[in-house]
Amino acid sequence: MTTHVPNDALGERFAAVRQVADAVLFEGYVLYPYRASAAKNRLRWQFGVLVPPGWGADRAEHSHQRTECLMEPHSGARLRAELRFLRAQRRTVQRMCPDGEFQTVPELELPDRVLVPWDEGVEERCPLDVAVAELTGDGVTVPLTWPAGEDTEPVHDADGRLIGRLVRRRGEVSGRLRLTASEIDGPYAALRLTVTVENTSDWAPEQAAADREAALPRSLVAAHLLLGLSGGRFLSLTDPPEWAKGAVADCRNENTWPVLAGPDGSADVVLSSPIILEDHPAIAPESPGALYDALEIDEILTLRTAALTDQEKREARGTDPRAAEVIHLADTVPPEVLDRLHGAVRSLREATGPDTARAATGTDAPWWDPGSDRSVDPERDRIVIDGRSVGAGSRVQLRPGKRRTDAQDLFLHGCSAQVEAVLHDVDGGVHLAVTVDGDPGADIRREQGRFLYFQPDELAPLEEV
């Protein structure tokens, strides 16, 4: 087995995919308002945390990941794998005393920042390059160890005088990476690739009640895999060819999910992520930089960050270098870049001329306007439910469907209502707009055209009174 990292086109593909992989690696790393003191920054490392087996056995944490996917390698193809994760590095803050000794303190004030204790994330990588033929049978197993360590960084004031230091401590992290491949049943030359990542640390807490903080320095955080074929292709698990659907259904993925990565149409790189993604994920081109909070909208998050007070920004800068970068980004983003965040059109329908709407519908109304189709009239149309004609003005009983309704609608089960309109969507479906009997805001809803909507089989006609 060889374990060198090839410098080839596949390496270039990996480099391009790492932008998305970095978003996975640092998702939730530090959240708005980017201060260690913020409540949502006190419980960290939410995705892909592989804890020591001795700590996670009885808790809702895992010590392993299992990735399975299908591949069609060419003859002589090689597989490149890269395990990536963050290593929690515990940082403490110490002030220098008059006698030259150092004392641990909760914070250290500097002109532009406030240094506080914090767990920093250090990126670790384990690259592997192996011939696909070597993965059959027992496959390839690689033991991994990152030793414990400690280092210090001096802290100086604005005049260059030594006033303290940062002490960073790392626990030992050990693990195992195992890759195997086996043929799938049938006439196709496809293999099932299985990759497991395990935390093999023998560390166990001295007390059964030890909290999660004790386990993090010995854990693989945000662990994920990049897999690439030098020749051949991987098959999508969400949209496989017909012949592979049975084999795809048999793939077992635990605590991670593999998707095709890289540009649309490519299939030689897979990203196996603890966050479920779609095939060919990509960073929005409008995004000006990493905010480490992908569940937020860039525009509003940038504006709110720029609006932090000077003291809040000092605390954020002292929390983590990446938080400091976010503060700088929010303070310096040009107006034209901020404007790009306000919205984007991903696809456009070609217009053939100014009379397109009239040619298609016979009116100047757009296709989605009910007035564009003379064959429907929401206020006069009627449909048959349980053998009875129902339309605007009819009274019905609500019976929301549990599998397709909003949770709030379930509270309306059994309530009576009045039908306000019968609507037809562009896919041929029928929806009834209703107001609930006894709703004090019913008149306002009618004036504003804001109704509740149900499908015909979610209603039962009532006797007219």
Protein backbone atom coordinates (compact mmCIF):
# COMPACT_ATOMS: atom_id res chain seq x y z
CA MET A 1 0.00 0.00 0.00
CA THR A 2 1.26 3.47 -0.84
CA THR A 3 0.21 6.48 1.21
CA HIS A 4 1.42 9.46 -0.81
CA VAL A 5 -0.77 12.38 -1.83
CA PRO A 6 -0.87 12.68 -5.62
CA ASN A 7 -0.45 16.08 -7.22
CA ASP A 8 -2.85 15.68 -10.13
CA ALA A 9 -6.23 16.71 -11.44
CA LEU A 10 -7.95 14.84 -8.62
CA GLY A 11 -6.00 16.95 -6.15
CA GLU A 12 -7.31 20.05 -7.89
CA ARG A 13 -10.86 18.72 -7.56
CA PHE A 14 -10.30 18.19 -3.85
CA ALA A 15 -9.06 21.76 -3.51
CA ALA A 16 -12.23 23.07 -5.18
CA VAL A 17 -14.51 20.94 -2.98
CA ARG A 18 -12.76 22.05 0.22
CA GLN A 19 -14.64 25.36 0.16
CA VAL A 20 -17.86 23.45 0.83
CA ALA A 21 -16.06 21.04 3.15
CA ASP A 22 -14.78 24.00 5.17
CA ALA A 23 -18.36 25.20 5.61
CA VAL A 24 -19.13 21.77 7.09
CA LEU A 25 -15.95 21.79 9.18
CA PHE A 26 -16.68 25.17 10.78
CA GLU A 27 -20.51 25.15 10.81
CA GLY A 28 -21.54 26.48 14.21
CA TYR A 29 -17.90 27.02 15.23
CA VAL A 30 -18.72 30.46 16.66
CA LEU A 31 -22.20 31.94 16.37
CA TYR A 32 -23.54 35.48 16.33
CA PRO A 33 -22.85 37.65 18.33
CA TYR A 34 -19.44 35.90 18.14
CA ARG A 35 -18.63 36.26 21.84
CA ALA A 36 -17.64 33.45 24.19
CA SER A 37 -20.03 34.88 26.77
CA ALA A 38 -23.08 34.43 24.50
CA ALA A 39 -25.33 31.57 25.69
CA LYS A 40 -25.35 29.82 22.30
CA ASN A 41 -21.53 29.79 22.24
CA ARG A 42 -21.31 27.87 25.51
CA LEU A 43 -22.52 24.56 24.07
CA ARG A 44 -20.39 24.00 21.00
CA TRP A 45 -19.30 21.36 18.50
CA GLN A 46 -22.72 20.09 17.39
CA PHE A 47 -21.89 18.17 14.20
CA GLY A 48 -19.76 15.11 13.55
CA VAL A 49 -18.27 14.82 17.04
CA LEU A 50 -16.64 11.40 17.53
CA VAL A 51 -16.05 11.06 21.26
CA PRO A 52 -13.91 8.47 23.11
CA PRO A 53 -15.85 5.18 23.40
CA GLY A 54 -15.49 5.21 27.18
CA TRP A 55 -17.37 8.47 27.45
CA GLY A 56 -20.02 8.25 24.75
CA ALA A 57 -21.28 4.69 25.32
CA ASP A 58 -24.25 5.75 27.48
CA ARG A 59 -24.80 9.19 26.00
CA ALA A 60 -26.25 10.62 22.81
CA GLU A 61 -22.81 10.90 21.22
CA HIS A 62 -21.03 8.54 18.84
CA SER A 63 -17.49 7.23 18.62
CA HIS A 64 -17.65 6.25 14.93
CA GLN A 65 -18.89 7.16 11.47
CA ARG A 66 -19.69 4.73 8.66
CA THR A 67 -19.88 5.77 5.02
CA GLU A 68 -21.15 3.43 2.28
CA CYS A 69 -21.58 4.31 -1.36
CA LEU A 70 -21.30 2.69 -4.79
CA MET A 71 -18.54 3.28 -7.29
CA GLU A 72 -17.64 2.13 -10.79
CA PRO A 73 -13.83 2.34 -10.91
CA HIS A 74 -11.84 1.97 -14.11
CA SER A 75 -9.18 -0.69 -14.33
CA GLY A 76 -6.14 0.33 -12.28
CA ALA A 77 -8.01 3.21 -10.60
CA ARG A 78 -6.83 4.63 -7.30
CA LEU A 79 -8.90 5.94 -4.44
CA ARG A 80 -7.89 9.06 -2.62
CA ALA A 81 -9.37 9.61 0.83
CA GLU A 82 -8.93 12.54 3.17
CA LEU A 83 -10.24 12.55 6.72
CA ARG A 84 -10.68 16.08 8.06
CA PHE A 85 -11.71 17.19 11.54
CA LEU A 86 -11.18 19.85 14.18
CA ARG A 87 -9.19 19.20 17.30
CA ALA A 88 -10.38 21.09 20.36
CA GLN A 89 -7.49 23.09 21.79
CA ARG A 90 -8.25 24.49 25.26
CA ARG A 91 -7.01 28.04 25.74
CA THR A 92 -6.60 29.70 29.13
CA VAL A 93 -5.65 33.30 29.87
CA GLN A 94 -2.92 34.25 32.35
CA ARG A 95 -1.86 37.64 33.67
CA MET A 96 1.73 38.38 34.66
CA CYS A 97 2.06 39.31 38.33
CA PRO A 98 4.55 41.86 39.71
CA ASP A 99 6.81 39.00 40.86
CA GLY A 100 7.03 37.67 37.28
CA GLU A 101 4.76 34.69 37.90
CA PHE A 102 1.63 34.06 35.83
CA GLN A 103 -1.87 33.77 37.27
CA THR A 104 -4.90 32.34 35.44
CA VAL A 105 -7.61 35.00 35.07
CA PRO A 106 -11.10 35.11 33.49
CA GLU A 107 -10.11 37.84 31.01
CA LEU A 108 -7.29 40.10 29.91
CA GLU A 109 -8.05 43.58 28.55
CA LEU A 110 -6.26 44.90 25.48
CA PRO A 111 -6.99 48.11 23.55
CA ASP A 112 -8.71 46.32 20.65
CA ARG A 113 -9.89 43.09 22.25
CA VAL A 114 -10.73 41.22 25.45
CA LEU A 115 -8.99 37.85 25.70
CA VAL A 116 -11.03 35.12 27.41
CA PRO A 117 -10.77 31.32 27.89
CA TRP A 118 -11.99 29.46 24.80
CA ASP A 119 -11.74 26.15 22.96
CA GLU A 120 -10.06 26.77 19.62
CA GLY A 121 -10.53 24.42 16.69
CA VAL A 122 -7.31 23.23 15.06
CA GLU A 123 -7.79 21.67 11.63
CA GLU A 124 -6.31 18.18 11.19
CA ARG A 125 -6.08 16.13 7.99
CA CYS A 126 -5.24 12.52 7.27
CA PRO A 127 -4.69 11.94 3.50
CA LEU A 128 -4.52 8.45 2.00
CA ASP A 129 -3.95 7.22 -1.55
CA VAL A 130 -4.50 3.54 -2.35
CA ALA A 131 -5.22 1.31 -5.35
CA VAL A 132 -8.87 0.28 -5.50
CA ALA A 133 -7.73 -3.33 -5.97
CA GLU A 134 -6.15 -3.25 -2.50
CA LEU A 135 -9.52 -2.49 -0.86
CA THR A 136 -11.08 -5.90 -1.50
CA GLY A 137 -10.95 -8.59 1.17
CA ASP A 138 -9.71 -7.18 4.47
CA GLY A 139 -9.17 -3.78 2.91
CA VAL A 140 -6.87 -1.15 4.35
CA THR A 141 -6.73 -0.06 8.00
CA VAL A 142 -4.73 2.97 9.14
CA PRO A 143 -4.19 3.71 12.86
CA LEU A 144 -4.08 7.42 13.67
CA THR A 145 -2.56 9.30 16.60
CA TRP A 146 -2.19 12.98 17.38
CA PRO A 147 -0.13 13.44 20.57
CA ALA A 148 -0.96 15.71 23.49
CA GLY A 149 0.81 19.04 23.63
CA GLU A 150 1.02 22.47 25.21
CA ASP A 151 2.33 25.83 24.00
CA THR A 152 2.22 29.44 25.13
CA GLU A 153 1.82 32.78 23.35
CA PRO A 154 3.01 36.01 25.01
CA VAL A 155 0.56 38.91 25.25
CA HIS A 156 1.84 42.50 25.09
CA ASP A 157 0.10 45.80 25.72
CA ALA A 158 -0.01 48.77 23.32
CA ASP A 159 3.47 49.84 24.49
CA GLY A 160 4.97 46.42 23.84
CA ARG A 161 5.24 45.42 27.51
CA LEU A 162 4.60 41.80 28.44
CA ILE A 163 1.39 41.66 30.49
CA GLY A 164 0.34 38.02 30.20
CA ARG A 165 0.16 34.95 28.05
CA LEU A 166 -2.20 32.46 26.42
CA VAL A 167 -1.71 28.81 27.30
CA ARG A 168 -3.02 26.24 24.84
CA ARG A 169 -3.35 22.57 25.80
CA ARG A 170 -4.24 19.64 23.54
CA GLY A 171 -5.25 16.16 24.64
CA GLU A 172 -4.15 13.06 22.77
CA VAL A 173 -6.51 12.04 19.96
CA SER A 174 -6.35 8.53 18.56
CA GLY A 175 -8.45 6.88 15.90
CA ARG A 176 -8.66 4.40 13.07
CA LEU A 177 -9.55 4.76 9.39
CA ARG A 178 -10.67 1.60 7.59
CA LEU A 179 -11.57 1.21 3.90
CA THR A 180 -12.99 -1.88 2.21
CA ALA A 181 -14.66 -2.59 -1.13
CA SER A 182 -16.87 -5.48 -2.22
CA GLU A 183 -18.68 -6.40 -5.42
CA ILE A 184 -22.44 -5.95 -5.54
CA ASP A 185 -24.76 -8.65 -6.85
CA GLY A 186 -25.63 -8.51 -10.54
CA PRO A 187 -23.90 -8.13 -13.90
CA TYR A 188 -22.62 -4.60 -13.27
CA ALA A 189 -18.97 -3.86 -12.50
CA ALA A 190 -19.75 -1.79 -9.43
CA LEU A 191 -18.28 -1.94 -5.94
CA ARG A 192 -19.68 -1.01 -2.56
CA LEU A 193 -17.13 1.18 -0.77
CA THR A 194 -17.24 1.16 3.03
CA VAL A 195 -15.22 3.67 5.05
CA THR A 196 -15.32 3.76 8.83
CA VAL A 197 -13.78 6.41 11.07
CA GLU A 198 -13.44 5.52 14.74
CA ASN A 199 -12.24 7.24 17.86
CA THR A 200 -10.15 4.55 19.57
CA SER A 201 -9.03 6.53 22.62
CA ASP A 202 -8.82 4.49 25.81
CA TRP A 203 -9.53 7.59 27.88
CA ALA A 204 -12.44 7.34 30.28
CA PRO A 205 -13.69 9.95 32.76
CA GLU A 206 -12.61 9.53 36.36
CA GLN A 207 -16.18 10.27 37.41
CA ALA A 208 -19.27 8.90 35.71
CA ALA A 209 -20.87 12.35 35.81
CA ALA A 210 -17.99 14.02 33.93
CA ASP A 211 -19.41 16.56 31.51
CA ARG A 212 -18.91 16.79 27.78
CA GLU A 213 -16.19 19.42 28.17
CA ALA A 214 -13.84 16.77 29.56
CA ALA A 215 -14.26 14.56 26.47
CA LEU A 216 -13.92 17.22 23.76
CA PRO A 217 -10.09 17.56 23.79
CA ARG A 218 -9.89 13.84 22.97
CA SER A 219 -12.60 13.88 20.29
CA LEU A 220 -12.64 14.24 16.51
CA VAL A 221 -14.87 17.28 15.96
CA ALA A 222 -16.85 17.93 12.74
CA ALA A 223 -15.29 14.80 11.23
CA HIS A 224 -15.97 14.26 7.52
CA LEU A 225 -14.43 12.59 4.48
CA LEU A 226 -13.41 13.51 0.97
CA LEU A 227 -13.26 10.52 -1.39
CA GLY A 228 -12.02 10.64 -4.98
CA LEU A 229 -11.46 8.23 -7.88
CA SER A 230 -8.58 8.72 -10.31
CA GLY A 231 -10.66 6.89 -12.92
CA GLY A 232 -14.35 6.00 -12.88
CA ARG A 233 -17.32 7.44 -11.04
CA PHE A 234 -19.36 7.32 -7.86
CA LEU A 235 -23.14 6.81 -7.97
CA SER A 236 -25.54 9.24 -6.35
CA LEU A 237 -27.38 7.79 -3.34
CA THR A 238 -30.30 10.18 -3.85
CA ASP A 239 -30.66 9.77 -7.63
CA PRO A 240 -29.06 6.47 -8.63
CA PRO A 241 -29.59 4.76 -12.01
CA GLU A 242 -32.46 2.29 -12.06
CA TRP A 243 -30.23 -0.78 -11.98
CA ALA A 244 -28.47 0.42 -8.81
CA LYS A 245 -31.47 1.36 -6.68
CA GLY A 246 -31.55 -1.96 -4.84
CA ALA A 247 -27.84 -1.83 -4.02
CA VAL A 248 -28.15 1.80 -2.93
CA ALA A 249 -30.97 0.85 -0.58
CA ASP A 250 -28.64 -1.68 1.03
CA CYS A 251 -25.94 0.91 1.76
CA ARG A 252 -25.63 1.64 5.46
CA ASN A 253 -24.53 5.11 6.48
CA GLU A 254 -24.18 5.93 10.16
CA ASN A 255 -23.71 9.45 11.54
CA THR A 256 -22.78 10.79 8.10
CA TRP A 257 -24.15 11.04 4.54
CA PRO A 258 -22.19 10.94 1.24
CA VAL A 259 -23.08 13.20 -1.69
CA LEU A 260 -21.51 13.84 -5.07
CA ALA A 261 -19.28 16.91 -4.81
CA GLY A 262 -17.77 19.26 -7.35
CA PRO A 263 -19.48 20.89 -10.35
CA ASP A 264 -22.76 19.57 -11.75
CA GLY A 265 -22.19 16.57 -13.98
CA SER A 266 -19.02 15.41 -12.21
CA ALA A 267 -19.02 12.16 -10.24
CA ASP A 268 -15.40 11.47 -9.27
CA VAL A 269 -15.48 13.13 -5.82
CA VAL A 270 -17.72 12.42 -2.82
CA LEU A 271 -18.12 14.49 0.34
CA SER A 272 -19.35 12.43 3.29
CA SER A 273 -20.72 14.95 5.75
CA PRO A 274 -22.34 14.80 9.21
CA ILE A 275 -24.71 17.47 7.87
CA ILE A 276 -27.10 16.15 5.23
CA LEU A 277 -26.47 17.92 1.93
CA GLU A 278 -27.74 17.54 -1.62
CA ASP A 279 -25.55 16.39 -4.50
CA HIS A 280 -23.09 19.01 -5.78
CA PRO A 281 -23.43 21.49 -2.87
CA ALA A 282 -21.92 24.91 -3.49
CA ILE A 283 -21.30 28.17 -1.67
CA ALA A 284 -23.54 30.99 -2.92
CA PRO A 285 -21.37 33.26 -5.11
CA GLU A 286 -22.89 36.33 -3.41
CA SER A 287 -21.55 35.32 0.02
CA PRO A 288 -18.61 37.66 0.86
CA GLY A 289 -17.02 35.36 3.43
CA ALA A 290 -17.46 32.72 6.10
CA LEU A 291 -19.84 33.63 8.94
CA TYR A 292 -19.73 30.16 10.55
CA ASP A 293 -23.52 30.23 10.90
CA ALA A 294 -24.96 28.77 7.71
CA LEU A 295 -28.49 28.64 9.14
CA GLU A 296 -28.60 32.43 9.06
CA ILE A 297 -29.10 34.78 6.12
CA ASP A 298 -25.83 36.51 5.17
CA GLU A 299 -27.45 39.90 4.71
CA ILE A 300 -29.18 40.16 8.07
CA LEU A 301 -26.27 38.52 9.89
CA THR A 302 -23.77 40.97 8.39
CA LEU A 303 -25.97 43.95 9.26
CA ARG A 304 -26.51 42.80 12.83
CA THR A 305 -22.80 42.12 13.30
CA ALA A 306 -21.91 45.59 12.02
CA ALA A 307 -24.42 47.03 14.54
CA LEU A 308 -22.69 45.49 17.59
CA THR A 309 -21.35 47.97 20.11
CA ASP A 310 -17.62 48.69 20.25
CA GLN A 311 -17.34 46.73 23.50
CA GLU A 312 -19.16 43.74 21.99
CA LYS A 313 -16.79 43.82 19.02
CA ARG A 314 -13.77 43.91 21.37
CA GLU A 315 -15.09 40.80 23.13
CA ALA A 316 -15.68 39.06 19.79
CA ARG A 317 -12.16 39.85 18.57
CA GLY A 318 -10.73 38.39 21.75
CA THR A 319 -12.86 35.25 21.55
CA ASP A 320 -11.33 33.74 18.41
CA PRO A 321 -9.32 34.88 15.37
CA ARG A 322 -12.14 33.67 13.12
CA ALA A 323 -14.62 35.79 15.05
CA ALA A 324 -12.29 38.74 14.64
CA GLU A 325 -12.32 38.14 10.86
CA VAL A 326 -16.13 38.24 10.87
CA ILE A 327 -16.13 41.57 12.73
CA HIS A 328 -13.65 42.99 10.22
CA LEU A 329 -15.72 41.68 7.31
CA ALA A 330 -18.94 43.23 8.65
CA ASP A 331 -17.22 46.57 9.28
CA THR A 332 -15.59 46.80 5.85
CA VAL A 333 -18.02 45.14 3.43
CA PRO A 334 -18.61 47.56 0.49
CA PRO A 335 -22.20 48.70 -0.18
CA GLU A 336 -22.24 47.01 -3.59
CA VAL A 337 -21.33 43.67 -1.99
CA LEU A 338 -24.03 44.11 0.66
CA ASP A 339 -26.54 44.89 -2.10
CA ARG A 340 -25.74 41.52 -3.70
CA LEU A 341 -26.92 39.79 -0.52
CA HIS A 342 -30.41 41.26 -0.81
CA GLY A 343 -31.55 38.62 -3.28
CA ALA A 344 -30.54 36.62 -6.31
CA VAL A 345 -32.37 35.08 -9.26
CA ARG A 346 -30.98 31.60 -9.93
CA SER A 347 -32.89 30.95 -13.15
CA LEU A 348 -34.88 32.98 -15.65
CA ARG A 349 -37.56 32.01 -18.15
CA GLU A 350 -36.80 33.44 -21.56
CA ALA A 351 -39.34 35.97 -22.76
CA THR A 352 -39.97 35.95 -26.53
CA GLY A 353 -41.55 39.38 -26.66
CA PRO A 354 -43.80 41.91 -24.92
CA ASP A 355 -46.96 39.98 -25.77
CA THR A 356 -45.84 36.65 -24.25
CA ALA A 357 -48.48 36.70 -21.52
CA ARG A 358 -51.27 37.62 -23.94
CA ALA A 359 -50.21 34.93 -26.42
CA ALA A 360 -50.28 32.29 -23.73
CA THR A 361 -53.41 33.30 -21.83
CA GLY A 362 -55.34 35.70 -24.03
CA THR A 363 -54.93 38.49 -21.42
CA ASP A 364 -52.20 40.83 -20.18
CA ALA A 365 -52.28 39.13 -16.77
CA PRO A 366 -49.26 37.02 -15.74
CA TRP A 367 -49.68 33.25 -15.78
CA TRP A 368 -50.05 33.03 -11.99
CA ASP A 369 -52.90 35.55 -11.80
CA PRO A 370 -56.36 33.86 -11.61
CA GLY A 371 -57.55 36.47 -14.12
CA SER A 372 -55.33 34.94 -16.77
CA ASP A 373 -57.55 31.85 -17.01
CA ARG A 374 -61.18 32.56 -17.87
CA SER A 375 -62.12 28.94 -17.18
CA VAL A 376 -61.81 29.33 -13.40
CA ASP A 377 -63.62 31.64 -10.98
CA PRO A 378 -62.69 31.16 -7.30
CA GLU A 379 -65.87 32.88 -6.06
CA ARG A 380 -68.29 30.88 -8.24
CA ASP A 381 -66.59 27.52 -8.82
CA ARG A 382 -67.94 24.52 -6.94
CA ILE A 383 -66.69 20.98 -6.34
CA VAL A 384 -68.35 17.82 -5.08
CA ILE A 385 -67.37 16.51 -1.61
CA ASP A 386 -69.09 13.41 -0.23
CA GLY A 387 -71.74 13.73 -2.92
CA ARG A 388 -72.58 17.36 -2.11
CA SER A 389 -71.77 20.55 -4.03
CA VAL A 390 -69.45 22.87 -2.12
CA GLY A 391 -68.40 26.41 -3.04
CA ALA A 392 -68.08 29.92 -1.63
CA GLY A 393 -70.58 30.32 1.23
CA SER A 394 -70.79 26.57 2.02
CA ARG A 395 -70.26 25.47 5.61
CA VAL A 396 -67.86 22.60 6.29
CA GLN A 397 -66.20 20.75 9.14
CA LEU A 398 -62.39 20.74 9.22
CA ARG A 399 -60.54 17.44 9.28
CA PRO A 400 -56.86 18.34 8.66
CA GLY A 401 -54.62 15.57 7.33
CA LYS A 402 -51.91 14.75 9.87
CA ARG A 403 -49.18 14.07 7.31
CA ARG A 404 -49.49 17.19 5.20
CA THR A 405 -50.76 20.05 7.35
CA ASP A 406 -49.21 22.65 9.59
CA ALA A 407 -49.05 21.58 13.23
CA GLN A 408 -51.32 24.49 14.20
CA ASP A 409 -54.07 23.24 11.88
CA LEU A 410 -54.42 20.07 13.97
CA PHE A 411 -55.97 22.19 16.72
CA LEU A 412 -58.79 23.04 14.29
CA HIS A 413 -59.85 19.41 13.87
CA GLY A 414 -63.65 19.23 14.21
CA CYS A 415 -64.20 22.99 13.95
CA SER A 416 -66.79 24.37 11.57
CA ALA A 417 -65.87 26.90 8.90
CA GLN A 418 -67.19 28.79 5.87
CA VAL A 419 -65.73 28.31 2.40
CA GLU A 420 -64.60 31.61 0.87
CA ALA A 421 -63.21 30.41 -2.47
CA VAL A 422 -62.39 27.34 -4.56
CA LEU A 423 -58.89 27.59 -6.01
CA HIS A 424 -57.11 25.55 -8.69
CA ASP A 425 -53.30 25.42 -8.73
CA VAL A 426 -51.12 25.09 -11.84
CA ASP A 427 -50.64 21.37 -11.20
CA GLY A 428 -54.38 20.68 -11.29
CA GLY A 429 -54.85 20.46 -7.51
CA VAL A 430 -57.86 21.96 -5.74
CA HIS A 431 -57.70 23.97 -2.51
CA LEU A 432 -60.52 25.54 -0.52
CA ALA A 433 -60.01 28.85 1.28
CA VAL A 434 -61.97 28.98 4.54
CA THR A 435 -62.60 31.17 7.59
CA VAL A 436 -63.20 29.42 10.91
CA ASP A 437 -66.53 30.02 12.64
CA GLY A 438 -66.10 32.18 15.72
CA ASP A 439 -62.82 33.71 14.52
CA PRO A 440 -63.01 37.39 15.67
CA GLY A 441 -60.68 38.37 12.84
CA ALA A 442 -62.75 36.76 10.06
CA ASP A 443 -63.87 40.09 8.57
CA ILE A 444 -60.30 41.38 8.46
CA ARG A 445 -59.16 38.14 6.82
CA ARG A 446 -61.79 38.56 4.11
CA GLU A 447 -60.75 42.16 3.44
CA GLN A 448 -57.09 41.18 3.17
CA GLY A 449 -57.69 37.89 1.36
CA ARG A 450 -55.83 35.95 4.07
CA PHE A 451 -57.46 32.56 4.58
CA LEU A 452 -56.70 29.05 5.77
CA TYR A 453 -56.42 26.49 2.97
CA PHE A 454 -57.42 22.83 2.94
CA GLN A 455 -57.75 20.11 0.35
CA PRO A 456 -61.16 18.62 -0.41
CA ASP A 457 -60.55 15.37 1.52
CA GLU A 458 -59.78 17.44 4.64
CA LEU A 459 -63.34 18.85 4.72
CA ALA A 460 -66.80 17.41 5.38
CA PRO A 461 -69.92 19.31 4.21
CA LEU A 462 -72.33 20.51 6.89
CA GLU A 463 -76.06 21.06 6.61
CA GLU A 464 -76.84 24.61 5.46
CA VAL A 465 -78.69 26.74 8.02
